[in-house]
Amino acid sequence: MQKIIPHLWFDKEAVEAAKWYVSLFENSRIINIATIPDTPSGDTELIDFQLANLRFSAISAGPYFTFNPAVSLMVACSTREEVDRLHANLSSGGTELMPIGEYPFSRRYAWVQDRYGLSWQLMLVENVEEHQKIRPTLLFTGDVCGKAEDAIDYYVSVFEESKKGFINHYAVGEATDTRAKTNYGEVNIWGTQLIVMDHGFGGDFTFNEAFSFMVLCENQEEIDYFWDKLSFVPEAEQCGWVKDQFGLSWQITPTHMNEVLVKGTKEEVKRVTEAFLKMKKFDLAALEKAQLG
């Protein structure tokens, strides 16, 4: 079971966006859709979906956070035609960050921000079967520029059985931001592959809650462990959310939480929602008690 889930925060468009993304990729489907009533954002929609065999979760919860290129989705494409098709779709109504064309690292590549603001890097690769089709990509800028490899090492130390992959560093003079060290790095966290890099050319965007990662926990011991390891910003602690020392947001979540919110009765959902909205770190026993009434 996938235990690291990329999570997307939308104003009102989560279901609309997820259905559109699913239409663009093979091995994709909608898993669940649910509405949580009476949250601080009003009635919020949750949707779980799969893109190219990678599970995602998304929420419509108000205009509080905005996607930016600090986190993008790298898509490994097997043909030029696939790059062009995805580019035509994802750039429609969106913004070109790097125009489609040939680059030193790929014979066909484009970086676009879609109509919802989510960033995609579309890359023609050789040996496409060696890559996870869609890989979340973290771009370290501002105060954390130069800490990409430190982040990889830290995440490997936190998540058992995770692996540090290929690392490539900027050559002397290659990056205009002298703090930048890593121009490409790979890490596999519990079977989910991420790309991590320092921004070599500046940039004033940073990580925020629009793109976070859910850590699915089996018990209170796991919740306590990951909370302790990943929470470095006390004021960001709320409803299972934390921020690590690099500014990246994580949700430390019981494995069955979404199942309760999706499949529970209206009364169960109401009680569980009222309980978790009062929490910072999730108290699994209290949530189970709330579910039972």
Protein backbone atom coordinates (compact mmCIF):
# COMPACT_ATOMS: atom_id res chain seq x y z
CA MET A 1 0.00 0.00 0.00
CA GLN A 2 1.24 3.49 -0.89
CA LYS A 3 1.89 5.30 2.40
CA ILE A 4 3.19 8.66 1.12
CA ILE A 5 0.33 10.46 -0.65
CA PRO A 6 0.82 13.75 -2.55
CA HIS A 7 -1.98 16.09 -1.44
CA LEU A 8 -3.29 19.06 -3.44
CA TRP A 9 -5.20 22.02 -1.96
CA PHE A 10 -7.64 23.84 -4.24
CA ASP A 11 -10.08 26.67 -3.64
CA LYS A 12 -13.17 25.02 -5.19
CA GLU A 13 -11.80 22.96 -8.08
CA ALA A 14 -10.44 19.72 -6.56
CA VAL A 15 -12.98 17.36 -8.12
CA GLU A 16 -12.97 19.16 -11.47
CA ALA A 17 -9.16 19.16 -11.62
CA ALA A 18 -8.79 15.54 -10.53
CA LYS A 19 -11.25 14.33 -13.18
CA TRP A 20 -9.35 16.28 -15.82
CA TYR A 21 -5.98 14.88 -14.73
CA VAL A 22 -7.39 11.35 -14.73
CA SER A 23 -8.54 11.81 -18.33
CA LEU A 24 -4.98 12.59 -19.45
CA PHE A 25 -3.09 9.57 -18.11
CA GLU A 26 -3.35 5.83 -18.51
CA ASN A 27 -3.76 3.69 -15.39
CA SER A 28 -5.71 6.49 -13.71
CA ARG A 29 -9.06 6.56 -11.93
CA ILE A 30 -11.19 8.32 -9.34
CA ILE A 31 -11.12 6.35 -6.07
CA ASN A 32 -13.44 8.24 -3.72
CA ILE A 33 -15.27 11.57 -3.45
CA ALA A 34 -16.70 12.86 -0.17
CA THR A 35 -17.92 16.09 1.42
CA ILE A 36 -17.00 17.11 4.97
CA PRO A 37 -19.61 19.54 6.31
CA ASP A 38 -19.15 22.49 8.65
CA THR A 39 -15.39 22.96 8.59
CA PRO A 40 -13.75 26.41 9.02
CA SER A 41 -13.80 26.54 5.19
CA GLY A 42 -17.46 25.53 5.03
CA ASP A 43 -18.39 22.28 3.32
CA THR A 44 -15.17 20.88 1.86
CA GLU A 45 -14.85 18.29 -0.90
CA LEU A 46 -12.29 15.51 -0.66
CA ILE A 47 -11.23 13.38 -3.60
CA ASP A 48 -8.82 10.46 -3.79
CA PHE A 49 -7.58 9.54 -7.23
CA GLN A 50 -4.87 7.65 -9.06
CA LEU A 51 -2.65 9.06 -11.81
CA ALA A 52 -0.47 6.59 -13.70
CA ASN A 53 -0.64 4.20 -10.70
CA LEU A 54 0.36 6.91 -8.20
CA ARG A 55 -2.30 7.75 -5.62
CA PHE A 56 -3.13 11.39 -4.89
CA SER A 57 -5.54 13.16 -2.57
CA ALA A 58 -7.05 16.63 -3.04
CA ILE A 59 -9.33 19.00 -1.17
CA SER A 60 -11.45 22.03 -2.01
CA ALA A 61 -11.06 24.14 1.12
CA GLY A 62 -10.89 27.79 0.15
CA PRO A 63 -8.48 30.30 -1.44
CA TYR A 64 -5.84 30.13 1.27
CA PHE A 65 -2.90 28.55 -0.56
CA THR A 66 -1.67 28.79 -4.14
CA PHE A 67 0.42 26.35 -6.16
CA ASN A 68 3.81 27.53 -7.37
CA PRO A 69 6.83 25.92 -9.09
CA ALA A 70 8.50 24.99 -5.78
CA VAL A 71 6.69 21.67 -6.20
CA SER A 72 5.94 20.25 -9.63
CA LEU A 73 5.12 16.87 -11.12
CA MET A 74 7.78 15.36 -13.40
CA VAL A 75 6.26 13.10 -16.06
CA ALA A 76 8.48 10.52 -17.77
CA CYS A 77 7.32 10.27 -21.40
CA SER A 78 8.27 7.50 -23.82
CA THR A 79 7.66 9.40 -27.09
CA ARG A 80 7.78 12.94 -28.47
CA GLU A 81 4.09 12.56 -29.28
CA GLU A 82 3.29 11.93 -25.61
CA VAL A 83 5.21 15.04 -24.54
CA ASP A 84 3.37 17.08 -27.18
CA ARG A 85 -0.08 15.71 -26.25
CA LEU A 86 0.37 16.38 -22.54
CA HIS A 87 1.88 19.78 -23.27
CA ALA A 88 -1.08 20.78 -25.46
CA ASN A 89 -3.55 19.78 -22.76
CA LEU A 90 -1.77 20.98 -19.63
CA SER A 91 -0.68 24.32 -21.08
CA SER A 92 -4.20 25.16 -22.32
CA GLY A 93 -5.35 28.06 -20.16
CA GLY A 94 -2.09 27.87 -18.24
CA THR A 95 1.41 29.34 -18.38
CA GLU A 96 4.65 28.26 -20.06
CA LEU A 97 7.53 28.20 -17.55
CA MET A 98 10.02 26.64 -20.00
CA PRO A 99 8.88 26.37 -23.64
CA ILE A 100 8.64 23.00 -25.31
CA GLY A 101 11.80 22.09 -27.16
CA GLU A 102 15.16 20.36 -26.99
CA TYR A 103 17.38 20.88 -23.95
CA PRO A 104 20.79 19.48 -22.94
CA PHE A 105 19.07 17.07 -20.54
CA SER A 106 16.24 15.95 -22.85
CA ARG A 107 15.46 15.88 -26.56
CA ARG A 108 11.87 16.96 -25.81
CA TYR A 109 10.91 18.83 -22.64
CA ALA A 110 8.50 21.47 -21.36
CA TRP A 111 7.61 22.98 -17.99
CA VAL A 112 4.08 24.32 -17.70
CA GLN A 113 1.73 25.63 -15.04
CA ASP A 114 -1.78 24.37 -15.77
CA ARG A 115 -5.07 26.28 -15.53
CA TYR A 116 -5.26 25.51 -11.79
CA GLY A 117 -1.68 26.63 -11.12
CA LEU A 118 -0.18 23.16 -10.67
CA SER A 119 3.24 22.79 -12.32
CA TRP A 120 4.22 19.91 -14.62
CA GLN A 121 7.58 19.01 -16.14
CA LEU A 122 7.13 16.88 -19.25
CA MET A 123 10.27 15.03 -20.27
CA LEU A 124 11.13 12.54 -22.99
CA VAL A 125 13.32 9.90 -21.32
CA GLU A 126 15.14 6.80 -22.41
CA ASN A 127 14.36 3.53 -20.62
CA VAL A 128 11.03 4.94 -19.45
CA GLU A 129 10.21 1.68 -17.66
CA GLU A 130 12.97 2.45 -15.13
CA HIS A 131 11.12 5.53 -13.89
CA GLN A 132 8.03 6.10 -11.80
CA LYS A 133 5.74 7.71 -14.38
CA ILE A 134 4.95 10.78 -12.25
CA ARG A 135 7.45 11.99 -9.67
CA PRO A 136 6.84 14.94 -7.34
CA THR A 137 9.74 17.36 -7.73
CA LEU A 138 10.91 19.70 -4.96
CA LEU A 139 12.76 22.89 -5.89
CA PHE A 140 14.68 24.46 -3.01
CA THR A 141 14.77 28.26 -3.24
CA GLY A 142 15.34 31.27 -1.01
CA ASP A 143 16.52 30.47 2.50
CA VAL A 144 16.63 26.71 1.80
CA CYS A 145 18.52 26.94 -1.49
CA GLY A 146 21.56 24.70 -1.13
CA LYS A 147 19.82 22.29 1.26
CA ALA A 148 18.33 19.86 -1.27
CA GLU A 149 20.79 17.06 -0.54
CA ASP A 150 20.50 17.73 3.21
CA ALA A 151 16.76 17.19 2.83
CA ILE A 152 17.29 13.91 1.00
CA ASP A 153 19.62 12.69 3.74
CA TYR A 154 17.16 13.76 6.43
CA TYR A 155 14.17 12.06 4.83
CA VAL A 156 16.15 8.84 4.39
CA SER A 157 17.03 8.97 8.10
CA VAL A 158 13.38 9.50 9.07
CA PHE A 159 11.67 6.95 6.83
CA GLU A 160 13.04 3.44 7.27
CA GLU A 161 13.78 1.46 4.11
CA SER A 162 14.03 4.66 2.06
CA LYS A 163 16.87 5.08 -0.41
CA LYS A 164 19.00 7.93 -1.64
CA GLY A 165 19.36 7.75 -5.41
CA PHE A 166 21.39 9.48 -8.09
CA ILE A 167 22.79 12.91 -7.13
CA ASN A 168 24.29 15.43 -9.53
CA HIS A 169 25.88 18.71 -8.42
CA TYR A 170 26.24 22.03 -10.18
CA ALA A 171 29.63 22.61 -11.75
CA VAL A 172 31.60 25.67 -10.65
CA GLY A 173 29.98 28.76 -12.12
CA GLU A 174 27.01 26.84 -13.53
CA ALA A 175 24.45 28.25 -11.07
CA THR A 176 23.92 31.99 -10.74
CA ASP A 177 22.74 31.50 -7.15
CA THR A 178 25.98 30.56 -5.42
CA ARG A 179 24.12 28.76 -2.62
CA ALA A 180 22.82 26.11 -5.05
CA LYS A 181 24.62 22.78 -4.84
CA THR A 182 22.38 20.01 -6.21
CA ASN A 183 20.94 20.39 -9.70
CA TYR A 184 19.30 16.95 -9.61
CA GLY A 185 18.75 14.40 -6.87
CA GLU A 186 16.55 11.35 -6.34
CA VAL A 187 15.08 9.81 -3.21
CA ASN A 188 12.71 6.88 -2.79
CA ILE A 189 10.51 7.22 0.32
CA TRP A 190 8.59 4.03 1.03
CA GLY A 191 8.30 3.27 -2.67
CA THR A 192 7.33 6.81 -3.74
CA GLN A 193 10.05 8.42 -5.85
CA LEU A 194 10.79 12.13 -5.47
CA ILE A 195 13.15 14.45 -7.35
CA VAL A 196 14.91 17.11 -5.28
CA MET A 197 17.01 20.03 -6.55
CA ASP A 198 18.34 23.46 -5.62
CA HIS A 199 17.19 26.39 -7.76
CA GLY A 200 20.34 27.54 -9.51
CA PHE A 201 18.88 30.76 -10.89
CA GLY A 202 17.08 32.37 -7.98
CA GLY A 203 13.34 32.45 -7.38
CA ASP A 204 11.09 34.00 -4.76
CA PHE A 205 8.56 31.16 -4.45
CA THR A 206 8.70 28.74 -1.54
CA PHE A 207 6.97 25.58 -0.34
CA ASN A 208 3.48 26.06 1.06
CA GLU A 209 0.42 24.06 2.08
CA ALA A 210 -1.00 23.94 -1.46
CA PHE A 211 1.17 20.87 -2.04
CA SER A 212 1.83 18.61 0.94
CA PHE A 213 2.52 14.95 1.59
CA MET A 214 0.28 12.73 3.68
CA VAL A 215 2.08 10.14 5.82
CA LEU A 216 -0.35 7.30 6.51
CA CYS A 217 0.21 5.91 10.02
CA GLU A 218 -1.01 2.58 11.38
CA ASN A 219 -1.01 3.48 15.08
CA GLN A 220 -0.36 6.23 17.64
CA GLU A 221 3.28 5.25 17.92
CA GLU A 222 3.83 6.04 14.24
CA ILE A 223 1.87 9.29 14.53
CA ASP A 224 4.03 10.36 17.50
CA TYR A 225 7.26 9.36 15.73
CA PHE A 226 6.63 11.24 12.48
CA TRP A 227 5.22 14.26 14.31
CA ASP A 228 8.41 14.47 16.34
CA LYS A 229 10.64 14.05 13.26
CA LEU A 230 8.82 16.36 10.83
CA SER A 231 7.36 19.21 12.92
CA PHE A 232 9.74 22.19 13.12
CA VAL A 233 7.27 25.11 12.95
CA PRO A 234 4.93 25.10 15.99
CA GLU A 235 2.55 27.68 14.52
CA ALA A 236 1.95 25.38 11.50
CA GLU A 237 0.72 22.51 13.68
CA GLN A 238 -3.00 22.01 13.11
CA CYS A 239 -5.31 19.08 12.28
CA GLY A 240 -2.40 16.72 11.63
CA TRP A 241 -0.42 19.23 9.54
CA VAL A 242 3.23 20.08 10.22
CA LYS A 243 6.11 21.84 8.47
CA ASP A 244 9.62 20.44 8.45
CA GLN A 245 12.88 22.40 8.74
CA PHE A 246 12.89 23.00 4.99
CA GLY A 247 9.37 24.48 4.95
CA LEU A 248 7.73 21.45 3.31
CA SER A 249 4.26 20.55 4.63
CA TRP A 250 3.30 17.05 5.77
CA GLN A 251 0.06 15.57 7.09
CA ILE A 252 0.56 12.92 9.77
CA THR A 253 -2.66 10.99 9.28
CA PRO A 254 -4.21 7.71 10.52
CA THR A 255 -4.43 5.22 7.66
CA HIS A 256 -8.18 4.81 7.97
CA MET A 257 -9.05 8.52 8.34
CA ASN A 258 -10.22 9.02 4.75
CA GLU A 259 -12.16 5.76 4.87
CA VAL A 260 -14.12 7.08 7.86
CA LEU A 261 -14.76 10.41 6.14
CA VAL A 262 -15.79 8.73 2.87
CA LYS A 263 -17.72 5.69 4.08
CA GLY A 264 -18.87 6.72 7.54
CA THR A 265 -22.43 7.73 8.36
CA LYS A 266 -23.27 11.44 8.51
CA GLU A 267 -23.22 11.23 12.29
CA GLU A 268 -19.82 9.51 12.35
CA VAL A 269 -18.34 12.05 9.94
CA LYS A 270 -19.75 14.92 12.00
CA ARG A 271 -18.36 13.57 15.28
CA VAL A 272 -14.93 12.74 13.85
CA THR A 273 -14.69 16.11 12.10
CA GLU A 274 -15.59 17.98 15.29
CA ALA A 275 -12.93 15.97 17.13
CA PHE A 276 -10.04 16.42 14.72
CA LEU A 277 -10.67 20.13 14.16
CA LYS A 278 -9.75 20.66 17.82
CA MET A 279 -6.50 18.72 17.52
CA LYS A 280 -2.98 19.57 16.48
CA LYS A 281 -1.42 16.09 16.54
CA PHE A 282 -4.05 13.42 15.97
CA ASP A 283 -5.08 11.40 19.01
CA LEU A 284 -6.08 8.08 17.49
CA ALA A 285 -7.95 6.83 20.57
CA ALA A 286 -9.98 10.05 20.75
CA LEU A 287 -10.83 9.83 17.04
CA GLU A 288 -11.94 6.23 17.40
CA LYS A 289 -14.04 7.19 20.42
CA ALA A 290 -15.64 10.01 18.43
CA GLN A 291 -16.41 7.64 15.57
CA LEU A 292 -18.17 5.24 17.94
CA GLY A 293 -20.04 8.05 19.65
